[in-house]
Protein backbone atom coordinates (compact mmCIF):
# COMPACT_ATOMS: atom_id res chain seq x y z
CA MET A 1 0.12 0.01 -0.58
CA ASP A 2 1.86 3.39 -1.07
CA LYS A 3 1.78 6.63 1.67
CA ARG A 4 -1.11 8.23 0.18
CA LYS A 5 -3.42 4.69 0.91
CA THR A 6 -2.12 4.15 4.19
CA GLY A 7 -3.14 7.98 4.80
CA VAL A 8 -6.05 7.38 3.20
CA ALA A 9 -7.02 4.45 5.67
CA LEU A 10 -5.19 5.59 8.64
CA PHE A 11 -7.90 9.21 8.46
CA ILE A 12 -10.84 6.87 8.05
CA THR A 13 -9.18 4.40 10.77
CA LEU A 14 -9.30 8.05 13.04
CA MET A 15 -12.98 9.29 11.90
CA VAL A 16 -14.01 5.49 12.41
CA ILE A 17 -12.87 5.27 16.26
CA ALA A 18 -13.57 9.35 16.96
CA SER A 19 -17.75 9.09 15.97
CA ILE A 20 -18.00 5.16 17.88
CA MET A 21 -16.08 7.34 20.87
CA SER A 22 -19.89 9.79 21.12
CA ILE A 23 -21.81 6.57 21.89
CA ILE A 24 -19.85 5.83 25.10
CA ALA A 25 -20.17 9.99 25.93
CA VAL A 26 -23.73 10.34 25.34
CA SER A 27 -24.00 6.60 27.08
CA PHE A 28 -22.01 7.75 30.42
CA THR A 29 -24.19 11.33 30.98
CA TYR A 30 -27.07 8.55 31.04
CA LEU A 31 -25.46 6.06 33.24
CA GLU A 32 -25.80 7.08 36.16
CA LYS A 33 -29.56 7.75 36.30
CA VAL A 34 -30.06 3.68 35.62
CA GLN A 35 -26.84 2.03 37.88
CA LYS A 36 -28.75 1.65 40.75
CA ASP A 37 -31.34 -0.45 39.32
CA ALA A 38 -30.88 -4.36 39.53
CA GLY A 39 -31.61 -7.01 36.95
CA ALA A 40 -32.35 -6.88 33.22
CA THR A 41 -34.39 -4.32 33.38
CA SER A 42 -32.08 -1.83 33.58
CA ALA A 43 -29.35 -3.34 31.38
CA LEU A 44 -32.50 -3.34 28.61
CA ILE A 45 -32.88 0.45 29.22
CA GLN A 46 -29.34 0.75 28.93
CA ALA A 47 -29.29 -1.46 25.72
CA ASN A 48 -31.91 1.00 24.11
CA LEU A 49 -29.96 4.11 24.79
CA LEU A 50 -26.58 2.88 22.71
CA TYR A 51 -28.63 1.68 19.80
CA GLY A 52 -30.34 4.83 19.82
CA ASN A 53 -26.70 6.15 19.83
CA THR A 54 -24.83 4.13 17.59
CA VAL A 55 -27.81 3.94 14.72
CA GLU A 56 -27.08 8.00 14.83
CA VAL A 57 -23.65 7.42 14.44
CA LEU A 58 -24.02 5.27 11.50
CA LYS A 59 -25.97 7.65 10.48
CA ARG A 60 -23.45 10.08 10.65
CA PHE A 61 -21.03 8.33 9.17
CA PHE A 62 -22.23 6.28 6.50
CA PRO A 63 -24.97 8.65 5.02
CA ALA A 64 -27.85 7.40 2.87
CA GLY A 65 -27.14 6.70 -1.03
CA SER A 66 -23.20 7.69 -0.64
CA ASP A 67 -21.00 5.78 -1.60
CA ASN A 68 -19.16 4.62 1.25
CA SER A 69 -17.25 1.61 0.10
CA ASP A 70 -13.74 2.07 1.49
CA LYS A 71 -14.95 3.09 5.39
CA LEU A 72 -17.34 0.48 5.19
CA THR A 73 -14.12 -2.63 3.93
CA LEU A 74 -12.77 -0.75 7.42
CA MET A 75 -15.81 -1.03 9.74
CA TYR A 76 -16.81 -4.66 8.75
CA THR A 77 -12.94 -5.81 9.44
CA MET A 78 -12.53 -3.77 12.60
CA PRO A 79 -14.09 -4.21 15.11
CA LEU A 80 -14.41 -1.54 17.68
CA ALA A 81 -13.81 -1.81 21.49
CA LEU A 82 -13.77 1.29 23.61
CA ASN A 83 -14.19 1.18 27.69
CA GLU A 84 -14.53 3.88 30.08
CA GLU A 85 -11.97 3.05 33.75
CA LYS A 86 -13.70 5.24 35.62
CA SER A 87 -16.84 3.01 36.34
CA GLY A 88 -15.97 -0.13 33.90
CA PHE A 89 -18.09 0.30 31.08
CA SER A 90 -17.48 -1.04 27.84
CA VAL A 91 -18.62 -1.76 24.24
CA ASN A 92 -18.26 -3.96 21.94
CA LEU A 93 -19.54 -3.36 18.43
CA THR A 94 -19.12 -5.76 15.35
CA CYS A 95 -20.92 -5.28 11.44
CA GLN A 96 -20.84 -7.30 8.94
CA ALA A 97 -22.21 -6.55 5.57
CA LEU A 98 -26.42 -7.67 5.36
CA MET A 99 -26.99 -8.01 1.30
CA ILE A 100 -24.97 -10.64 0.81
CA GLY A 101 -27.06 -13.31 -0.25
CA ALA A 102 -30.43 -12.76 -2.19
CA PRO A 103 -34.19 -11.96 -0.01
CA ILE A 104 -36.28 -14.94 1.09
CA ASN A 105 -38.58 -12.78 0.73
CA TRP A 106 -38.37 -12.69 -3.39
CA LEU A 107 -39.57 -16.27 -3.42
CA THR A 108 -42.78 -15.22 -4.61
CA SER A 109 -45.09 -15.90 -8.19
CA GLU A 110 -45.57 -12.08 -8.73
CA GLN A 111 -45.42 -10.91 -12.15
CA ALA A 112 -45.05 -7.04 -11.95
CA ALA A 113 -42.38 -4.71 -11.02
CA GLY A 114 -40.00 -7.27 -12.34
CA LEU A 115 -40.37 -9.98 -9.30
CA GLN A 116 -40.49 -12.47 -11.40
CA GLU A 117 -36.43 -11.94 -11.63
CA LYS A 118 -36.23 -12.35 -8.51
CA SER A 119 -38.14 -15.42 -7.75
CA ASN A 120 -36.50 -16.88 -10.05
CA LEU A 121 -32.78 -16.21 -8.50
CA VAL A 122 -34.36 -16.72 -5.24
CA ARG A 123 -35.92 -20.62 -6.45
CA ASP A 124 -32.07 -21.33 -8.32
CA VAL A 125 -30.13 -20.72 -4.93
CA LEU A 126 -32.53 -22.90 -3.52
CA ARG A 127 -32.87 -25.43 -5.26
CA HIS A 128 -28.49 -25.85 -5.65
CA VAL A 129 -28.98 -25.60 -1.98
CA MET A 130 -31.22 -28.55 -1.03
CA GLU A 131 -29.43 -30.12 -3.53
CA LEU A 132 -26.39 -29.86 -2.65
CA TYR A 133 -27.48 -30.58 1.65
CA ASP A 134 -29.37 -33.57 -0.19
CA LEU A 135 -32.50 -32.51 1.77
CA GLU A 136 -35.29 -35.13 2.11
CA ASP A 137 -38.31 -33.33 0.16
CA PRO A 138 -37.02 -29.96 -1.42
CA ASP A 139 -41.03 -29.80 -2.94
CA GLY A 140 -42.19 -29.17 0.59
CA LEU A 141 -39.56 -26.90 2.02
CA GLU A 142 -40.29 -24.65 -1.03
CA LYS A 143 -43.86 -24.94 -0.60
CA ILE A 144 -43.51 -23.83 3.15
CA LEU A 145 -41.41 -21.10 2.17
CA LEU A 146 -43.25 -20.21 -0.15
CA GLN A 147 -46.33 -20.11 2.08
CA ALA A 148 -44.47 -18.29 4.85
CA VAL A 149 -43.19 -15.40 2.29
CA THR A 150 -46.67 -14.73 0.42
CA GLY A 151 -48.90 -15.29 3.73
CA LYS A 152 -51.33 -17.91 2.08
CA GLN A 153 -53.21 -20.06 3.90
CA LEU A 154 -52.57 -23.24 4.44
CA LYS A 155 -54.45 -26.61 4.79
CA ASN A 156 -52.63 -27.29 7.97
CA LYS A 157 -54.76 -24.79 10.98
CA ASP A 158 -51.86 -24.64 13.24
CA TYR A 159 -49.50 -23.92 11.15
CA GLU A 160 -51.64 -21.86 9.18
CA SER A 161 -52.43 -19.68 12.36
CA ARG A 162 -48.66 -18.91 12.67
CA LEU A 163 -48.04 -17.93 9.65
CA LYS A 164 -51.17 -14.93 9.53
CA ARG A 165 -49.49 -13.44 12.13
CA GLN A 166 -47.09 -11.59 10.04
CA LYS A 167 -46.53 -11.63 5.98
CA GLY A 168 -42.82 -12.56 4.63
CA ILE A 169 -39.64 -13.69 6.06
CA VAL A 170 -38.37 -10.24 8.09
CA SER A 171 -35.79 -11.96 10.38
CA LYS A 172 -32.89 -15.12 10.78
CA GLN A 173 -35.22 -16.33 13.88
CA GLN A 174 -38.49 -16.58 12.55
CA PHE A 175 -37.21 -18.23 9.27
CA ASN A 176 -35.32 -20.75 11.91
CA ARG A 177 -38.83 -21.65 12.89
CA VAL A 178 -40.13 -22.23 9.26
CA LEU A 179 -36.96 -24.57 8.80
CA GLN A 180 -38.12 -26.23 12.56
CA ASP A 181 -42.09 -26.45 10.99
CA TYR A 182 -40.33 -28.42 8.07
CA ALA A 183 -37.86 -30.91 10.19
CA VAL A 184 -41.08 -31.96 12.66
CA GLU A 185 -43.46 -32.02 9.56
CA TYR A 186 -40.71 -33.99 6.78
CA ASP A 187 -38.67 -35.77 8.97
CA ASP A 188 -35.55 -33.84 7.66
CA GLN A 189 -33.14 -32.62 10.70
CA LYS A 190 -30.57 -32.26 7.96
CA VAL A 191 -32.50 -28.68 7.13
CA LEU A 192 -31.37 -27.16 10.49
CA ASN A 193 -27.58 -27.91 9.56
CA VAL A 194 -27.33 -25.52 6.16
CA PRO A 195 -25.52 -22.21 6.18
CA TRP A 196 -28.59 -20.61 5.16
CA GLU A 197 -27.33 -16.85 5.71
CA LYS A 198 -24.69 -17.60 3.34
CA TYR A 199 -27.33 -17.86 0.54
CA PHE A 200 -30.20 -15.59 2.10
CA SER A 201 -30.63 -12.43 3.85
CA PHE A 202 -33.91 -12.04 6.17
CA LEU A 203 -35.06 -8.42 6.07
CA LYS A 204 -38.58 -6.95 4.25
CA VAL A 205 -37.76 -5.31 1.39
CA ASP A 206 -39.57 -2.80 -1.59
CA LEU A 207 -38.89 -2.51 -4.86
CA LYS A 208 -35.99 -0.88 -4.06
CA THR A 209 -34.02 -3.66 -2.48
CA LYS A 210 -30.99 -4.83 -4.84
CA ILE A 211 -28.32 -7.40 -3.10
CA ASP A 212 -24.86 -6.13 -2.19
CA GLY A 213 -22.87 -6.36 -5.45
CA ASN A 214 -19.18 -6.54 -3.34
CA TYR A 215 -20.33 -8.24 -0.37
CA LEU A 216 -21.18 -11.32 -2.09
CA SER A 217 -20.50 -14.62 -0.28
CA PRO A 218 -18.82 -17.03 -2.59
CA GLU A 219 -21.41 -19.86 -1.64
CA PHE A 220 -23.90 -17.61 -2.94
CA ILE A 221 -21.80 -16.68 -5.69
CA SER A 222 -21.22 -19.68 -6.07
CA ALA A 223 -24.48 -21.52 -6.49
CA ALA A 224 -26.09 -18.53 -8.77
CA PHE A 225 -23.82 -17.98 -11.33
CA ASP A 226 -22.82 -22.47 -11.42
CA ILE A 227 -19.55 -21.59 -10.85
CA PRO A 228 -17.64 -24.36 -8.66
CA ILE A 229 -17.29 -22.70 -5.22
CA GLU A 230 -12.93 -23.99 -5.49
CA ILE A 231 -12.57 -20.98 -8.61
CA VAL A 232 -15.03 -18.50 -6.40
CA GLN A 233 -13.24 -19.23 -2.79
CA ASP A 234 -9.44 -18.49 -5.09
CA SER A 235 -10.41 -15.24 -6.50
CA TRP A 236 -13.06 -13.31 -5.14
CA VAL A 237 -11.66 -10.67 -2.79
CA VAL A 238 -15.11 -9.64 -0.35
CA GLY A 239 -14.99 -6.13 -0.78
CA GLU A 240 -11.82 -5.65 -2.79
CA SER A 241 -13.56 -7.38 -6.08
CA THR A 242 -16.75 -6.61 -7.80
CA LEU A 243 -18.68 -9.25 -9.50
CA THR A 244 -19.05 -7.52 -13.09
CA THR A 245 -15.04 -7.52 -12.50
CA PHE A 246 -14.82 -11.22 -11.41
CA LEU A 247 -16.95 -12.54 -14.02
CA ALA A 248 -15.29 -10.50 -16.32
CA GLU A 249 -11.90 -11.75 -14.81
CA ASN A 250 -13.00 -15.52 -14.92
CA ALA A 251 -14.75 -15.25 -18.27
CA ILE A 252 -17.94 -15.55 -17.75
CA THR A 253 -20.33 -13.78 -19.77
CA THR A 254 -23.67 -14.06 -17.70
CA PRO A 255 -25.38 -10.77 -17.71
CA ILE A 256 -25.63 -8.78 -14.45
CA ASN A 257 -29.19 -7.33 -13.53
CA ASN A 258 -28.82 -4.55 -12.61
CA LYS A 259 -32.07 -4.74 -10.91
CA ILE A 260 -30.52 -7.59 -8.51
CA TYR A 261 -27.51 -6.30 -8.38
CA ALA A 262 -26.20 -3.03 -6.69
CA ASN A 263 -22.76 -1.58 -8.84
CA LYS A 264 -21.47 -0.21 -5.60
CA ALA A 265 -21.40 -1.05 -1.93
CA LEU A 266 -24.78 -0.99 0.09
CA ASN A 267 -25.04 0.56 3.74
CA ALA A 268 -26.64 -2.46 5.02
CA MET A 269 -25.27 -3.89 7.87
CA HIS A 270 -26.13 -6.13 10.60
CA CYS A 271 -24.69 -4.87 13.82
CA GLU A 272 -24.37 -7.01 16.64
CA GLN A 273 -22.92 -4.82 20.10
CA SER A 274 -21.81 -6.08 23.49
CA PHE A 275 -22.17 -3.93 26.92
CA ALA A 276 -20.81 -4.59 30.44
CA TYR A 277 -22.63 -3.25 32.94
CA GLN A 278 -22.83 -4.05 36.77
CA ASN A 279 -20.38 -6.49 36.32
CA ARG A 280 -22.51 -8.87 33.66
CA GLN A 281 -22.15 -8.64 29.91
CA TYR A 282 -24.83 -7.64 27.22
CA GLU A 283 -25.18 -8.13 23.88
CA PHE A 284 -28.05 -6.63 20.76
CA LYS A 285 -28.34 -6.80 17.09
CA PHE A 286 -30.08 -4.76 14.82
CA ASN A 287 -29.54 -4.49 10.98
CA TYR A 288 -28.68 -0.75 9.59
CA ILE A 289 -29.77 -0.18 5.98
CA GLU A 290 -29.52 3.48 4.27
CA GLY A 291 -30.28 5.61 7.13
CA ARG A 292 -32.76 3.28 8.86
CA SER A 293 -32.33 0.75 11.85
CA SER A 294 -34.32 -2.10 12.56
CA ASN A 295 -35.02 -5.71 13.32
CA PHE A 296 -33.24 -4.57 17.31
CA GLU A 297 -33.15 -7.60 18.87
CA PHE A 298 -32.46 -7.98 22.84
CA SER A 299 -29.72 -11.35 23.81
CA GLY A 300 -29.88 -10.00 27.24
CA GLN A 301 -27.06 -11.74 29.81
CA LYS A 302 -24.05 -13.50 27.43
């Protein structure tokens, strides 16, 4: 790396540290108000304060619509650990790219607004995975997933009542519950051992939703473009390669659908933040996508 690139990397590093430090500064102003309380309730209060402060920092540092490739790469490769000696309070923040695979909610039969192309992609990747892991009833799993995504009624009344609670699959936890139903109904425990998060993402989608062309997982690329995983792992560098250059360098002529793949790094990440409070460790998770946060989940004491 030349001196100019080294200087830029150092500058970005200092900006990240300075910005995230503001999380601590703001949070400490509230710490005394809740530290006398006991148990998980006060920890949840502190988690919510940290969550709000962290999201505000991310909004400033990764503004929606901007190309923040360098900062994103740094964020994904350098977890932040900050401590305050006087109170013993500490925060650890780790973020990873969110849109590294196809949203499972694209699994639909709708024809409008290019949704069929997205649906075809999800079906192709899903079938690749089911064959790769030798699942017992691929048609059964696809049927259950489609019903969960679309909210259509099922003959199984108990399962139907659960699906009616929410249309679509908007979290990994919800997806896991669908897998559990398949595993019980079709007596296939192998479905629970598949690394689904390497092929799909689990979040709400709209007509503007795209997959991150800079941070795709090797497993997804292999499934989506029918390339042996060994070739992808040898030449795909997450965060440095782009899908366009990777395909060109490997003499793959498959056209890239710009309605599906973003040509610049997306400000979309999944973050996990842990903190020490009253001699205990707690953790929460959330998604940050183009200025908006969602899927806050307080995991409680670690």
